[in-house]
Amino acid sequence: MVRVSFTPHSNPMVTKSKRCRKPPLITALLSNAQEMGLIYPDTFTAQPSLEQLDGLKEGDVVKINVLDPGERFWCIINSIKGETITAEVNNMLVSLPWPLGMKIRFHRDCIYQLWDDAYGPVLE
């Protein structure tokens, strides 16, 4: 027999295994912005610096790019563990089946752009 305890905010329809499941790791589907900056230094300059990547924190908004079909989109960072970022899709996607709010994981080198609330996209 399994005992289940409920708290006022728990959902008895969600099993422990569903709550503990990690979001999909999509790094293999993404282009590496840091690598692209090294290969094309004269034309590809939008990627964040390593110092900017080191300063990322929960709540920051970043842009990533899926290679095929070539769609870039914004994500809100939920957590950072080492160089792996867990984030939520933050805009409606045209070519991908990932809904707004879906959690995904990726390597920080896949970040193309940072968002600054005061100025919009950071293009350094």
N, C-alpha and C. Protein backbone atom coordinates (compact mmCIF):
# COMPACT_ATOMS: atom_id res chain seq x y z
N MET A 1 0.85 -1.18 0.00
CA MET A 1 0.00 0.00 0.00
C MET A 1 0.89 1.25 0.00
N VAL A 2 0.54 2.22 -0.81
CA VAL A 2 1.29 3.46 -0.90
C VAL A 2 0.55 4.55 -0.15
N ARG A 3 1.26 5.23 0.73
CA ARG A 3 0.64 6.35 1.45
C ARG A 3 0.90 7.64 0.67
N VAL A 4 -0.11 8.45 0.56
CA VAL A 4 0.02 9.73 -0.12
C VAL A 4 -0.41 10.81 0.85
N SER A 5 0.46 11.76 1.07
CA SER A 5 0.08 12.89 1.92
C SER A 5 -0.18 14.09 1.03
N PHE A 6 -1.16 14.87 1.40
CA PHE A 6 -1.54 16.01 0.59
C PHE A 6 -1.27 17.30 1.36
N THR A 7 -0.76 18.27 0.63
CA THR A 7 -0.62 19.61 1.18
C THR A 7 -1.65 20.46 0.47
N PRO A 8 -1.97 21.64 0.97
CA PRO A 8 -2.99 22.46 0.32
C PRO A 8 -2.71 22.75 -1.15
N HIS A 9 -1.44 22.73 -1.57
CA HIS A 9 -1.11 23.07 -2.95
C HIS A 9 -0.72 21.86 -3.78
N SER A 10 -0.83 20.66 -3.22
CA SER A 10 -0.44 19.48 -3.99
C SER A 10 -1.56 19.07 -4.94
N ASN A 11 -1.18 18.42 -6.00
CA ASN A 11 -2.15 17.91 -6.97
C ASN A 11 -2.10 16.40 -6.92
N PRO A 12 -3.14 15.75 -6.40
CA PRO A 12 -3.11 14.29 -6.28
C PRO A 12 -3.09 13.58 -7.62
N MET A 13 -3.36 14.29 -8.72
CA MET A 13 -3.37 13.68 -10.05
C MET A 13 -1.97 13.61 -10.65
N VAL A 14 -1.00 14.29 -10.03
CA VAL A 14 0.37 14.29 -10.53
C VAL A 14 1.17 13.30 -9.70
N THR A 15 1.74 12.32 -10.34
CA THR A 15 2.54 11.34 -9.62
C THR A 15 3.93 11.89 -9.37
N LYS A 16 4.61 11.29 -8.42
CA LYS A 16 5.96 11.74 -8.10
C LYS A 16 6.87 11.65 -9.31
N SER A 17 6.72 10.60 -10.11
CA SER A 17 7.60 10.44 -11.28
C SER A 17 7.40 11.56 -12.29
N LYS A 18 6.18 12.04 -12.44
CA LYS A 18 5.95 13.15 -13.37
C LYS A 18 6.57 14.43 -12.85
N ARG A 19 6.50 14.66 -11.55
CA ARG A 19 7.05 15.88 -10.98
C ARG A 19 8.56 15.91 -11.06
N CYS A 20 9.20 14.75 -11.04
CA CYS A 20 10.66 14.67 -11.02
C CYS A 20 11.27 14.54 -12.41
N ARG A 21 10.46 14.38 -13.43
CA ARG A 21 10.99 14.20 -14.78
C ARG A 21 11.70 15.47 -15.24
N LYS A 22 12.91 15.29 -15.78
CA LYS A 22 13.67 16.43 -16.29
C LYS A 22 13.12 16.86 -17.64
N PRO A 23 13.16 18.18 -17.90
CA PRO A 23 12.79 18.65 -19.24
C PRO A 23 13.77 18.08 -20.27
N PRO A 24 13.34 18.00 -21.55
CA PRO A 24 14.23 17.43 -22.57
C PRO A 24 15.49 18.28 -22.77
N LEU A 25 16.61 17.59 -22.96
CA LEU A 25 17.88 18.24 -23.28
C LEU A 25 17.94 18.42 -24.79
N ILE A 26 17.91 19.67 -25.26
CA ILE A 26 17.81 19.93 -26.71
C ILE A 26 19.10 20.49 -27.30
N THR A 27 20.20 20.44 -26.57
CA THR A 27 21.46 21.01 -27.04
C THR A 27 21.84 20.51 -28.43
N ALA A 28 21.64 19.24 -28.73
CA ALA A 28 22.01 18.67 -30.03
C ALA A 28 21.21 19.29 -31.18
N LEU A 29 20.06 19.88 -30.88
CA LEU A 29 19.23 20.52 -31.92
C LEU A 29 19.59 21.98 -32.15
N LEU A 30 20.42 22.52 -31.28
CA LEU A 30 20.72 23.96 -31.32
C LEU A 30 22.07 24.24 -31.94
N SER A 31 22.21 25.45 -32.47
CA SER A 31 23.53 25.88 -32.94
C SER A 31 24.28 26.47 -31.75
N ASN A 32 25.59 26.30 -31.76
CA ASN A 32 26.46 26.78 -30.70
C ASN A 32 26.91 28.19 -31.05
N ALA A 33 26.38 29.17 -30.34
CA ALA A 33 26.68 30.57 -30.66
C ALA A 33 28.15 30.91 -30.43
N GLN A 34 28.76 30.33 -29.41
CA GLN A 34 30.17 30.61 -29.14
C GLN A 34 31.05 30.08 -30.27
N GLU A 35 30.74 28.89 -30.74
CA GLU A 35 31.49 28.29 -31.85
C GLU A 35 31.30 29.10 -33.14
N MET A 36 30.08 29.55 -33.39
CA MET A 36 29.81 30.35 -34.59
C MET A 36 30.60 31.66 -34.55
N GLY A 37 30.74 32.25 -33.36
CA GLY A 37 31.52 33.47 -33.22
C GLY A 37 33.00 33.27 -33.53
N LEU A 38 33.52 32.08 -33.21
CA LEU A 38 34.92 31.78 -33.51
C LEU A 38 35.13 31.49 -35.00
N ILE A 39 34.18 30.81 -35.61
CA ILE A 39 34.29 30.47 -37.04
C ILE A 39 34.10 31.69 -37.93
N TYR A 40 33.16 32.56 -37.56
CA TYR A 40 32.82 33.74 -38.37
C TYR A 40 32.97 35.02 -37.54
N PRO A 41 34.18 35.38 -37.12
CA PRO A 41 34.36 36.53 -36.22
C PRO A 41 33.98 37.88 -36.84
N ASP A 42 34.02 37.99 -38.16
CA ASP A 42 33.71 39.28 -38.79
C ASP A 42 32.21 39.49 -39.00
N THR A 43 31.45 38.41 -39.05
CA THR A 43 30.02 38.55 -39.35
C THR A 43 29.10 38.06 -38.24
N PHE A 44 29.61 37.25 -37.33
CA PHE A 44 28.77 36.71 -36.27
C PHE A 44 29.25 37.25 -34.94
N THR A 45 28.67 38.36 -34.52
CA THR A 45 29.15 39.03 -33.31
C THR A 45 28.07 39.21 -32.26
N ALA A 46 26.91 38.60 -32.42
CA ALA A 46 25.80 38.83 -31.49
C ALA A 46 25.88 37.95 -30.24
N GLN A 47 26.72 36.91 -30.24
CA GLN A 47 26.73 36.01 -29.09
C GLN A 47 27.25 36.72 -27.84
N PRO A 48 26.73 36.33 -26.67
CA PRO A 48 27.20 36.95 -25.43
C PRO A 48 28.66 36.57 -25.12
N SER A 49 29.33 37.42 -24.38
CA SER A 49 30.70 37.11 -23.96
C SER A 49 30.65 36.03 -22.87
N LEU A 50 31.80 35.41 -22.62
CA LEU A 50 31.88 34.40 -21.56
C LEU A 50 31.57 35.03 -20.19
N GLU A 51 31.95 36.29 -20.00
CA GLU A 51 31.64 36.99 -18.76
C GLU A 51 30.13 37.17 -18.60
N GLN A 52 29.45 37.50 -19.70
CA GLN A 52 27.99 37.64 -19.63
C GLN A 52 27.33 36.29 -19.33
N LEU A 53 27.85 35.22 -19.93
CA LEU A 53 27.29 33.89 -19.66
C LEU A 53 27.53 33.49 -18.20
N ASP A 54 28.69 33.85 -17.65
CA ASP A 54 28.97 33.56 -16.24
C ASP A 54 28.02 34.30 -15.31
N GLY A 55 27.51 35.45 -15.76
CA GLY A 55 26.62 36.26 -14.92
C GLY A 55 25.15 35.92 -15.05
N LEU A 56 24.80 34.92 -15.84
CA LEU A 56 23.39 34.55 -15.99
C LEU A 56 22.79 34.09 -14.67
N LYS A 57 21.49 34.37 -14.49
CA LYS A 57 20.81 33.94 -13.27
C LYS A 57 19.35 33.62 -13.58
N GLU A 58 18.71 33.00 -12.62
CA GLU A 58 17.29 32.65 -12.75
C GLU A 58 16.48 33.91 -13.06
N GLY A 59 15.58 33.81 -14.03
CA GLY A 59 14.75 34.94 -14.43
C GLY A 59 15.28 35.69 -15.64
N ASP A 60 16.55 35.51 -16.00
CA ASP A 60 17.09 36.16 -17.19
C ASP A 60 16.42 35.58 -18.44
N VAL A 61 16.33 36.41 -19.47
CA VAL A 61 15.73 36.01 -20.73
C VAL A 61 16.82 35.91 -21.78
N VAL A 62 16.87 34.78 -22.49
CA VAL A 62 17.91 34.53 -23.49
C VAL A 62 17.28 34.01 -24.78
N LYS A 63 18.01 34.21 -25.88
CA LYS A 63 17.54 33.71 -27.18
C LYS A 63 18.43 32.55 -27.62
N ILE A 64 17.78 31.48 -28.14
CA ILE A 64 18.51 30.33 -28.68
C ILE A 64 18.01 30.07 -30.10
N ASN A 65 18.72 29.21 -30.85
CA ASN A 65 18.38 28.94 -32.24
C ASN A 65 18.36 27.43 -32.50
N VAL A 66 17.23 26.93 -32.97
CA VAL A 66 17.13 25.54 -33.39
C VAL A 66 17.60 25.48 -34.84
N LEU A 67 18.58 24.61 -35.12
CA LEU A 67 19.17 24.53 -36.46
C LEU A 67 18.16 24.21 -37.56
N ASP A 68 17.37 23.20 -37.35
CA ASP A 68 16.38 22.82 -38.37
C ASP A 68 15.02 22.80 -37.70
N PRO A 69 14.21 23.80 -37.93
CA PRO A 69 14.02 24.59 -39.13
C PRO A 69 14.65 25.97 -39.12
N GLY A 70 15.58 26.26 -38.25
CA GLY A 70 16.20 27.58 -38.23
C GLY A 70 15.35 28.61 -37.54
N GLU A 71 14.79 28.26 -36.39
CA GLU A 71 13.93 29.19 -35.65
C GLU A 71 14.61 29.62 -34.36
N ARG A 72 14.70 30.94 -34.17
CA ARG A 72 15.24 31.51 -32.94
C ARG A 72 14.08 31.93 -32.06
N PHE A 73 14.26 31.75 -30.74
CA PHE A 73 13.19 32.14 -29.82
C PHE A 73 13.75 32.45 -28.44
N TRP A 74 12.95 33.18 -27.66
CA TRP A 74 13.34 33.60 -26.33
C TRP A 74 12.92 32.57 -25.30
N CYS A 75 13.73 32.46 -24.24
CA CYS A 75 13.46 31.56 -23.12
C CYS A 75 13.72 32.32 -21.82
N ILE A 76 12.99 31.95 -20.77
CA ILE A 76 13.22 32.49 -19.43
C ILE A 76 13.95 31.42 -18.63
N ILE A 77 15.08 31.77 -18.06
CA ILE A 77 15.88 30.82 -17.29
C ILE A 77 15.19 30.49 -15.96
N ASN A 78 15.00 29.18 -15.72
CA ASN A 78 14.45 28.69 -14.45
C ASN A 78 15.55 28.28 -13.48
N SER A 79 16.61 27.65 -14.01
CA SER A 79 17.71 27.24 -13.15
C SER A 79 18.96 27.01 -13.99
N ILE A 80 20.10 27.05 -13.31
CA ILE A 80 21.40 26.81 -13.96
C ILE A 80 22.17 25.83 -13.08
N LYS A 81 22.59 24.74 -13.69
CA LYS A 81 23.42 23.74 -12.99
C LYS A 81 24.65 23.51 -13.85
N GLY A 82 25.77 24.06 -13.40
CA GLY A 82 26.99 23.98 -14.19
C GLY A 82 26.79 24.80 -15.46
N GLU A 83 26.93 24.16 -16.61
CA GLU A 83 26.74 24.86 -17.88
C GLU A 83 25.42 24.49 -18.55
N THR A 84 24.56 23.75 -17.83
CA THR A 84 23.25 23.37 -18.36
C THR A 84 22.18 24.30 -17.79
N ILE A 85 21.37 24.83 -18.70
CA ILE A 85 20.32 25.77 -18.33
C ILE A 85 18.97 25.10 -18.53
N THR A 86 18.09 25.25 -17.54
CA THR A 86 16.69 24.85 -17.68
C THR A 86 15.91 26.14 -17.85
N ALA A 87 15.08 26.19 -18.89
CA ALA A 87 14.35 27.42 -19.20
C ALA A 87 12.98 27.09 -19.77
N GLU A 88 12.12 28.10 -19.84
CA GLU A 88 10.78 27.97 -20.42
C GLU A 88 10.73 28.72 -21.74
N VAL A 89 10.11 28.12 -22.74
CA VAL A 89 9.88 28.80 -24.01
C VAL A 89 9.04 30.03 -23.71
N ASN A 90 9.47 31.20 -24.24
CA ASN A 90 8.82 32.46 -23.88
C ASN A 90 8.17 33.19 -25.06
N ASN A 91 8.03 32.54 -26.19
CA ASN A 91 7.23 33.14 -27.26
C ASN A 91 6.62 32.03 -28.12
N MET A 92 5.60 32.40 -28.86
CA MET A 92 4.92 31.42 -29.73
C MET A 92 5.86 31.05 -30.86
N LEU A 93 5.99 29.75 -31.12
CA LEU A 93 6.89 29.28 -32.16
C LEU A 93 6.12 28.98 -33.44
N VAL A 94 6.75 29.23 -34.57
CA VAL A 94 6.12 29.05 -35.87
C VAL A 94 6.32 27.64 -36.40
N SER A 95 7.54 27.13 -36.31
CA SER A 95 7.87 25.86 -36.96
C SER A 95 8.07 24.70 -36.00
N LEU A 96 8.06 24.96 -34.72
CA LEU A 96 8.33 23.91 -33.74
C LEU A 96 7.08 23.63 -32.91
N PRO A 97 6.92 22.39 -32.45
CA PRO A 97 5.71 22.01 -31.71
C PRO A 97 5.79 22.27 -30.21
N TRP A 98 6.71 23.13 -29.78
CA TRP A 98 6.88 23.37 -28.36
C TRP A 98 6.00 24.54 -27.93
N PRO A 99 5.10 24.31 -26.99
CA PRO A 99 4.18 25.38 -26.57
C PRO A 99 4.84 26.41 -25.66
N LEU A 100 4.22 27.55 -25.58
CA LEU A 100 4.63 28.61 -24.67
C LEU A 100 4.68 28.02 -23.25
N GLY A 101 5.78 28.24 -22.56
CA GLY A 101 5.92 27.75 -21.19
C GLY A 101 6.55 26.37 -21.07
N MET A 102 6.77 25.68 -22.20
CA MET A 102 7.39 24.36 -22.13
C MET A 102 8.81 24.49 -21.58
N LYS A 103 9.17 23.59 -20.67
CA LYS A 103 10.52 23.61 -20.11
C LYS A 103 11.46 22.78 -20.98
N ILE A 104 12.65 23.35 -21.20
CA ILE A 104 13.69 22.70 -22.01
C ILE A 104 15.01 22.89 -21.29
N ARG A 105 16.00 22.08 -21.67
CA ARG A 105 17.36 22.22 -21.14
C ARG A 105 18.33 22.34 -22.30
N PHE A 106 19.39 23.14 -22.10
CA PHE A 106 20.40 23.32 -23.14
C PHE A 106 21.69 23.83 -22.52
N HIS A 107 22.78 23.71 -23.26
CA HIS A 107 24.09 24.19 -22.83
C HIS A 107 24.14 25.70 -23.01
N ARG A 108 24.80 26.37 -22.11
CA ARG A 108 24.84 27.84 -22.16
C ARG A 108 25.51 28.38 -23.41
N ASP A 109 26.40 27.60 -24.06
CA ASP A 109 27.05 28.07 -25.28
C ASP A 109 26.07 28.24 -26.45
N CYS A 110 24.85 27.75 -26.30
CA CYS A 110 23.84 27.86 -27.36
C CYS A 110 23.09 29.19 -27.31
N ILE A 111 23.39 30.03 -26.33
CA ILE A 111 22.69 31.31 -26.19
C ILE A 111 23.22 32.31 -27.21
N TYR A 112 22.31 32.86 -27.99
CA TYR A 112 22.64 33.84 -29.03
C TYR A 112 22.57 35.27 -28.54
N GLN A 113 21.63 35.51 -27.66
CA GLN A 113 21.37 36.89 -27.30
C GLN A 113 20.79 36.95 -25.89
N LEU A 114 21.04 38.08 -25.22
CA LEU A 114 20.49 38.33 -23.89
C LEU A 114 19.45 39.43 -23.99
N TRP A 115 18.49 39.45 -23.07
CA TRP A 115 17.47 40.48 -23.03
C TRP A 115 17.73 41.38 -21.83
N ASP A 116 17.61 42.68 -22.02
CA ASP A 116 17.72 43.65 -20.94
C ASP A 116 16.40 44.40 -20.89
N ASP A 117 15.71 44.37 -19.74
CA ASP A 117 14.39 45.00 -19.63
C ASP A 117 14.41 46.49 -19.97
N ALA A 118 15.52 47.15 -19.70
CA ALA A 118 15.60 48.58 -19.96
C ALA A 118 15.82 48.91 -21.43
N TYR A 119 16.49 48.00 -22.17
CA TYR A 119 16.89 48.32 -23.54
C TYR A 119 16.39 47.34 -24.59
N GLY A 120 15.85 46.21 -24.19
CA GLY A 120 15.45 45.17 -25.16
C GLY A 120 16.63 44.24 -25.40
N PRO A 121 16.73 43.67 -26.60
CA PRO A 121 17.83 42.74 -26.89
C PRO A 121 19.20 43.40 -26.77
N VAL A 122 20.11 42.73 -26.07
CA VAL A 122 21.49 43.23 -25.92
C VAL A 122 22.29 42.73 -27.11
N LEU A 123 22.92 43.63 -27.84
CA LEU A 123 23.63 43.27 -29.07
C LEU A 123 25.14 43.39 -28.96
N GLU A 124 25.69 43.30 -27.75
CA GLU A 124 27.15 43.42 -27.58
C GLU A 124 27.86 42.22 -28.14
